[in-house]
Amino acid sequence: MTWAEAAAWRSRAPSPLVFTNGVFDLLHPGHVEVLDAARREGAALVVGLNSDDSVRRLKGPTRPVRQAAERAVVLAALEAVDAVVVFDDDTPLTLVQHLAPDVIVKGGDYAPDTIVGADVVAARGGRVVVVPLVPGQSTTSIIEKLRG
């Protein structure tokens, strides 16, 4: 969805609305676990997806492996995901402010006080949830394995 489409969808989406974000470059079981856990926290799940430029700034010139449009299609096809919105900033803060979710969820490599947008959600009376990581699952390790 575009940001305008997401705002219109948000106005009619069931509550509580859950938000998570990430690169989701090569979807793996760790991603699926976080997305499924996030969806269980509310009635609808929106995923903020880093744009290609954002990924390059954060991960380096060889990333992303898949373009944002491809990553968005894969995410949107998952049963747990209700909407996908691409953002170009290095963090999803502006998108979190734009969508005003009731719950924000991230994987266990974050602490609640390091989750961008958690303060915005909490200030509105929302919840911050950290999902334990699935051991041995990361896009970086997959890429390294493929390279040999």
C-alpha atoms as a PDB file:
ATOM      1  CA  MET A   1       0.000   0.000   0.000  1.00  0.00           C
ATOM      2  CA  THR A   2       1.005   3.582  -0.463  1.00  0.00           C
ATOM      3  CA  TRP A   3       1.113   5.706   2.667  1.00  0.00           C
ATOM      4  CA  ALA A   4      -2.225   7.318   1.697  1.00  0.00           C
ATOM      5  CA  GLU A   5      -3.817   3.907   1.084  1.00  0.00           C
ATOM      6  CA  ALA A   6      -2.460   2.681   4.406  1.00  0.00           C
ATOM      7  CA  ALA A   7      -3.926   5.672   6.259  1.00  0.00           C
ATOM      8  CA  ALA A   8      -7.331   5.056   4.669  1.00  0.00           C
ATOM      9  CA  TRP A   9      -7.076   1.333   5.461  1.00  0.00           C
ATOM     10  CA  ARG A  10      -6.049   2.156   9.039  1.00  0.00           C
ATOM     11  CA  SER A  11      -9.242   4.157   9.542  1.00  0.00           C
ATOM     12  CA  ARG A  12     -11.339   1.056   8.868  1.00  0.00           C
ATOM     13  CA  ALA A  13      -8.982  -1.733  10.004  1.00  0.00           C
ATOM     14  CA  PRO A  14     -10.019  -3.732  13.059  1.00  0.00           C
ATOM     15  CA  SER A  15      -8.300  -2.926  16.327  1.00  0.00           C
ATOM     16  CA  PRO A  16      -5.927  -3.473  17.851  1.00  0.00           C
ATOM     17  CA  LEU A  17      -3.626  -2.708  14.949  1.00  0.00           C
ATOM     18  CA  VAL A  18      -0.166  -4.282  15.236  1.00  0.00           C
ATOM     19  CA  PHE A  19       2.946  -2.909  13.533  1.00  0.00           C
ATOM     20  CA  THR A  20       6.297  -4.510  12.856  1.00  0.00           C
ATOM     21  CA  ASN A  21       9.017  -3.625  10.406  1.00  0.00           C
ATOM     22  CA  GLY A  22      12.163  -4.827   8.781  1.00  0.00           C
ATOM     23  CA  VAL A  23      14.082  -5.602   5.619  1.00  0.00           C
ATOM     24  CA  PHE A  24      12.699  -9.148   5.089  1.00  0.00           C
ATOM     25  CA  ASP A  25      15.244  -9.685   2.327  1.00  0.00           C
ATOM     26  CA  LEU A  26      15.284 -13.484   2.249  1.00  0.00           C
ATOM     27  CA  LEU A  27      12.285 -14.705   4.200  1.00  0.00           C
ATOM     28  CA  HIS A  28      13.244 -17.390   6.728  1.00  0.00           C
ATOM     29  CA  PRO A  29      11.645 -19.186   9.719  1.00  0.00           C
ATOM     30  CA  GLY A  30      12.735 -16.424  12.098  1.00  0.00           C
ATOM     31  CA  HIS A  31      10.827 -13.858  10.055  1.00  0.00           C
ATOM     32  CA  VAL A  32       7.758 -16.082   9.928  1.00  0.00           C
ATOM     33  CA  GLU A  33       7.826 -16.579  13.704  1.00  0.00           C
ATOM     34  CA  VAL A  34       7.981 -12.833  14.368  1.00  0.00           C
ATOM     35  CA  LEU A  35       5.185 -12.144  11.873  1.00  0.00           C
ATOM     36  CA  ASP A  36       2.951 -14.893  13.280  1.00  0.00           C
ATOM     37  CA  ALA A  37       3.612 -13.758  16.851  1.00  0.00           C
ATOM     38  CA  ALA A  38       2.910 -10.153  15.869  1.00  0.00           C
ATOM     39  CA  ARG A  39      -0.384 -11.114  14.262  1.00  0.00           C
ATOM     40  CA  ARG A  40      -1.472 -12.902  17.442  1.00  0.00           C
ATOM     41  CA  GLU A  41      -1.097  -9.606  19.316  1.00  0.00           C
ATOM     42  CA  GLY A  42      -4.009  -7.936  17.537  1.00  0.00           C
ATOM     43  CA  ALA A  43      -6.749  -7.961  14.949  1.00  0.00           C
ATOM     44  CA  ALA A  44      -4.672  -6.681  12.007  1.00  0.00           C
ATOM     45  CA  LEU A  45      -0.956  -6.582  11.160  1.00  0.00           C
ATOM     46  CA  VAL A  46       0.803  -3.968   9.065  1.00  0.00           C
ATOM     47  CA  VAL A  47       4.438  -4.484   8.107  1.00  0.00           C
ATOM     48  CA  GLY A  48       6.710  -1.531   7.466  1.00  0.00           C
ATOM     49  CA  LEU A  49       9.231  -2.571   4.809  1.00  0.00           C
ATOM     50  CA  ASN A  50      12.559  -0.795   4.308  1.00  0.00           C
ATOM     51  CA  SER A  51      12.936   0.564   0.774  1.00  0.00           C
ATOM     52  CA  ASP A  52      15.878  -0.554  -1.345  1.00  0.00           C
ATOM     53  CA  ASP A  53      17.723   2.724  -0.685  1.00  0.00           C
ATOM     54  CA  SER A  54      17.109   2.382   3.049  1.00  0.00           C
ATOM     55  CA  VAL A  55      18.455  -1.190   3.012  1.00  0.00           C
ATOM     56  CA  ARG A  56      21.609  -0.128   1.151  1.00  0.00           C
ATOM     57  CA  ARG A  57      22.255   2.604   3.706  1.00  0.00           C
ATOM     58  CA  LEU A  58      21.754   0.177   6.605  1.00  0.00           C
ATOM     59  CA  LYS A  59      23.223  -3.072   5.234  1.00  0.00           C
ATOM     60  CA  GLY A  60      25.685  -1.988   2.545  1.00  0.00           C
ATOM     61  CA  PRO A  61      25.883  -1.914  -1.257  1.00  0.00           C
ATOM     62  CA  THR A  62      25.260  -5.639  -1.804  1.00  0.00           C
ATOM     63  CA  ARG A  63      21.845  -5.542  -0.149  1.00  0.00           C
ATOM     64  CA  PRO A  64      18.988  -5.946  -0.621  1.00  0.00           C
ATOM     65  CA  VAL A  65      19.075  -9.228  -2.491  1.00  0.00           C
ATOM     66  CA  ARG A  66      15.423  -8.789  -3.523  1.00  0.00           C
ATOM     67  CA  GLN A  67      13.832  -5.488  -4.559  1.00  0.00           C
ATOM     68  CA  ALA A  68      11.217  -3.884  -2.313  1.00  0.00           C
ATOM     69  CA  ALA A  69       8.355  -4.748  -4.666  1.00  0.00           C
ATOM     70  CA  GLU A  70       9.366  -8.423  -4.605  1.00  0.00           C
ATOM     71  CA  ARG A  71       9.780  -8.454  -0.841  1.00  0.00           C
ATOM     72  CA  ALA A  72       6.386  -6.753  -0.425  1.00  0.00           C
ATOM     73  CA  VAL A  73       4.623  -9.344  -2.603  1.00  0.00           C
ATOM     74  CA  VAL A  74       6.054 -12.217  -0.548  1.00  0.00           C
ATOM     75  CA  LEU A  75       5.121 -10.569   2.757  1.00  0.00           C
ATOM     76  CA  ALA A  76       1.619  -9.640   1.594  1.00  0.00           C
ATOM     77  CA  ALA A  77       1.001 -13.252   0.568  1.00  0.00           C
ATOM     78  CA  LEU A  78       1.473 -14.465   4.140  1.00  0.00           C
ATOM     79  CA  GLU A  79      -1.727 -15.180   6.041  1.00  0.00           C
ATOM     80  CA  ALA A  80      -0.505 -13.247   9.085  1.00  0.00           C
ATOM     81  CA  VAL A  81       0.053 -10.014   7.154  1.00  0.00           C
ATOM     82  CA  ASP A  82      -2.818  -7.646   6.368  1.00  0.00           C
ATOM     83  CA  ALA A  83      -0.862  -4.774   4.823  1.00  0.00           C
ATOM     84  CA  VAL A  84       2.675  -3.875   3.721  1.00  0.00           C
ATOM     85  CA  VAL A  85       3.922  -0.289   3.470  1.00  0.00           C
ATOM     86  CA  VAL A  86       7.382   0.631   2.164  1.00  0.00           C
ATOM     87  CA  PHE A  87       9.296   3.398   3.941  1.00  0.00           C
ATOM     88  CA  ASP A  88      12.435   5.148   2.732  1.00  0.00           C
ATOM     89  CA  ASP A  89      13.845   6.459   6.024  1.00  0.00           C
ATOM     90  CA  ASP A  90      16.454   4.548   7.993  1.00  0.00           C
ATOM     91  CA  THR A  91      13.874   3.978  10.733  1.00  0.00           C
ATOM     92  CA  PRO A  92      10.097   3.497  10.631  1.00  0.00           C
ATOM     93  CA  LEU A  93       9.387   6.332  13.083  1.00  0.00           C
ATOM     94  CA  THR A  94       7.483   8.534  10.637  1.00  0.00           C
ATOM     95  CA  LEU A  95       5.442   5.550   9.461  1.00  0.00           C
ATOM     96  CA  VAL A  96       4.618   4.578  13.053  1.00  0.00           C
ATOM     97  CA  GLN A  97       3.473   8.150  13.695  1.00  0.00           C
ATOM     98  CA  HIS A  98       1.442   8.079  10.456  1.00  0.00           C
ATOM     99  CA  LEU A  99      -0.348   4.795  11.204  1.00  0.00           C
ATOM    100  CA  ALA A 100      -0.675   5.102  15.007  1.00  0.00           C
ATOM    101  CA  PRO A 101      -0.645   1.361  15.755  1.00  0.00           C
ATOM    102  CA  ASP A 102      -1.883  -0.007  19.070  1.00  0.00           C
ATOM    103  CA  VAL A 103       0.937  -2.555  19.395  1.00  0.00           C
ATOM    104  CA  ILE A 104       4.508  -2.573  18.091  1.00  0.00           C
ATOM    105  CA  VAL A 105       6.415  -5.855  17.786  1.00  0.00           C
ATOM    106  CA  LYS A 106      10.068  -6.625  17.080  1.00  0.00           C
ATOM    107  CA  GLY A 107      12.318  -9.651  17.284  1.00  0.00           C
ATOM    108  CA  GLY A 108      14.384 -10.543  20.331  1.00  0.00           C
ATOM    109  CA  ASP A 109      17.505  -8.807  19.048  1.00  0.00           C
ATOM    110  CA  TYR A 110      15.808  -5.623  20.328  1.00  0.00           C
ATOM    111  CA  ALA A 111      14.985  -4.472  23.841  1.00  0.00           C
ATOM    112  CA  PRO A 112      11.772  -2.489  24.352  1.00  0.00           C
ATOM    113  CA  ASP A 113      13.735   0.724  24.916  1.00  0.00           C
ATOM    114  CA  THR A 114      15.614   0.303  21.599  1.00  0.00           C
ATOM    115  CA  ILE A 115      12.565  -0.251  19.386  1.00  0.00           C
ATOM    116  CA  VAL A 116      12.040   2.782  17.182  1.00  0.00           C
ATOM    117  CA  GLY A 117       8.495   4.045  17.639  1.00  0.00           C
ATOM    118  CA  ALA A 118       7.899   2.160  20.894  1.00  0.00           C
ATOM    119  CA  ASP A 119       7.716   5.432  22.797  1.00  0.00           C
ATOM    120  CA  VAL A 120       5.090   6.746  20.354  1.00  0.00           C
ATOM    121  CA  VAL A 121       2.959   3.629  20.750  1.00  0.00           C
ATOM    122  CA  ALA A 122       3.359   3.521  24.533  1.00  0.00           C
ATOM    123  CA  ALA A 123       2.497   7.226  24.856  1.00  0.00           C
ATOM    124  CA  ARG A 124      -0.859   6.469  23.227  1.00  0.00           C
ATOM    125  CA  GLY A 125      -1.500   3.655  25.717  1.00  0.00           C
ATOM    126  CA  GLY A 126      -0.307   0.908  23.383  1.00  0.00           C
ATOM    127  CA  ARG A 127       1.891  -2.098  23.993  1.00  0.00           C
ATOM    128  CA  VAL A 128       5.454  -3.023  23.023  1.00  0.00           C
ATOM    129  CA  VAL A 129       6.166  -6.720  22.452  1.00  0.00           C
ATOM    130  CA  VAL A 130       9.522  -8.438  21.904  1.00  0.00           C
ATOM    131  CA  VAL A 131       9.394 -11.893  20.273  1.00  0.00           C
ATOM    132  CA  PRO A 132      12.234 -14.335  21.048  1.00  0.00           C
ATOM    133  CA  LEU A 133      14.534 -15.037  18.113  1.00  0.00           C
ATOM    134  CA  VAL A 134      14.617 -18.388  16.373  1.00  0.00           C
ATOM    135  CA  PRO A 135      18.207 -19.599  16.932  1.00  0.00           C
ATOM    136  CA  GLY A 136      20.424 -19.823  13.866  1.00  0.00           C
ATOM    137  CA  GLN A 137      18.139 -17.813  11.589  1.00  0.00           C
ATOM    138  CA  SER A 138      19.344 -14.648   9.891  1.00  0.00           C
ATOM    139  CA  THR A 139      19.452 -13.340   6.362  1.00  0.00           C
ATOM    140  CA  THR A 140      23.149 -12.560   6.752  1.00  0.00           C
ATOM    141  CA  SER A 141      23.922 -16.196   7.670  1.00  0.00           C
ATOM    142  CA  ILE A 142      21.888 -17.428   4.685  1.00  0.00           C
ATOM    143  CA  ILE A 143      23.818 -15.145   2.327  1.00  0.00           C
ATOM    144  CA  GLU A 144      27.142 -16.230   3.822  1.00  0.00           C
ATOM    145  CA  LYS A 145      26.173 -19.895   3.416  1.00  0.00           C
ATOM    146  CA  LEU A 146      25.205 -19.318  -0.227  1.00  0.00           C
ATOM    147  CA  ARG A 147      28.532 -17.665  -0.924  1.00  0.00           C
ATOM    148  CA  GLY A 148      30.325 -20.698   0.477  1.00  0.00           C
END
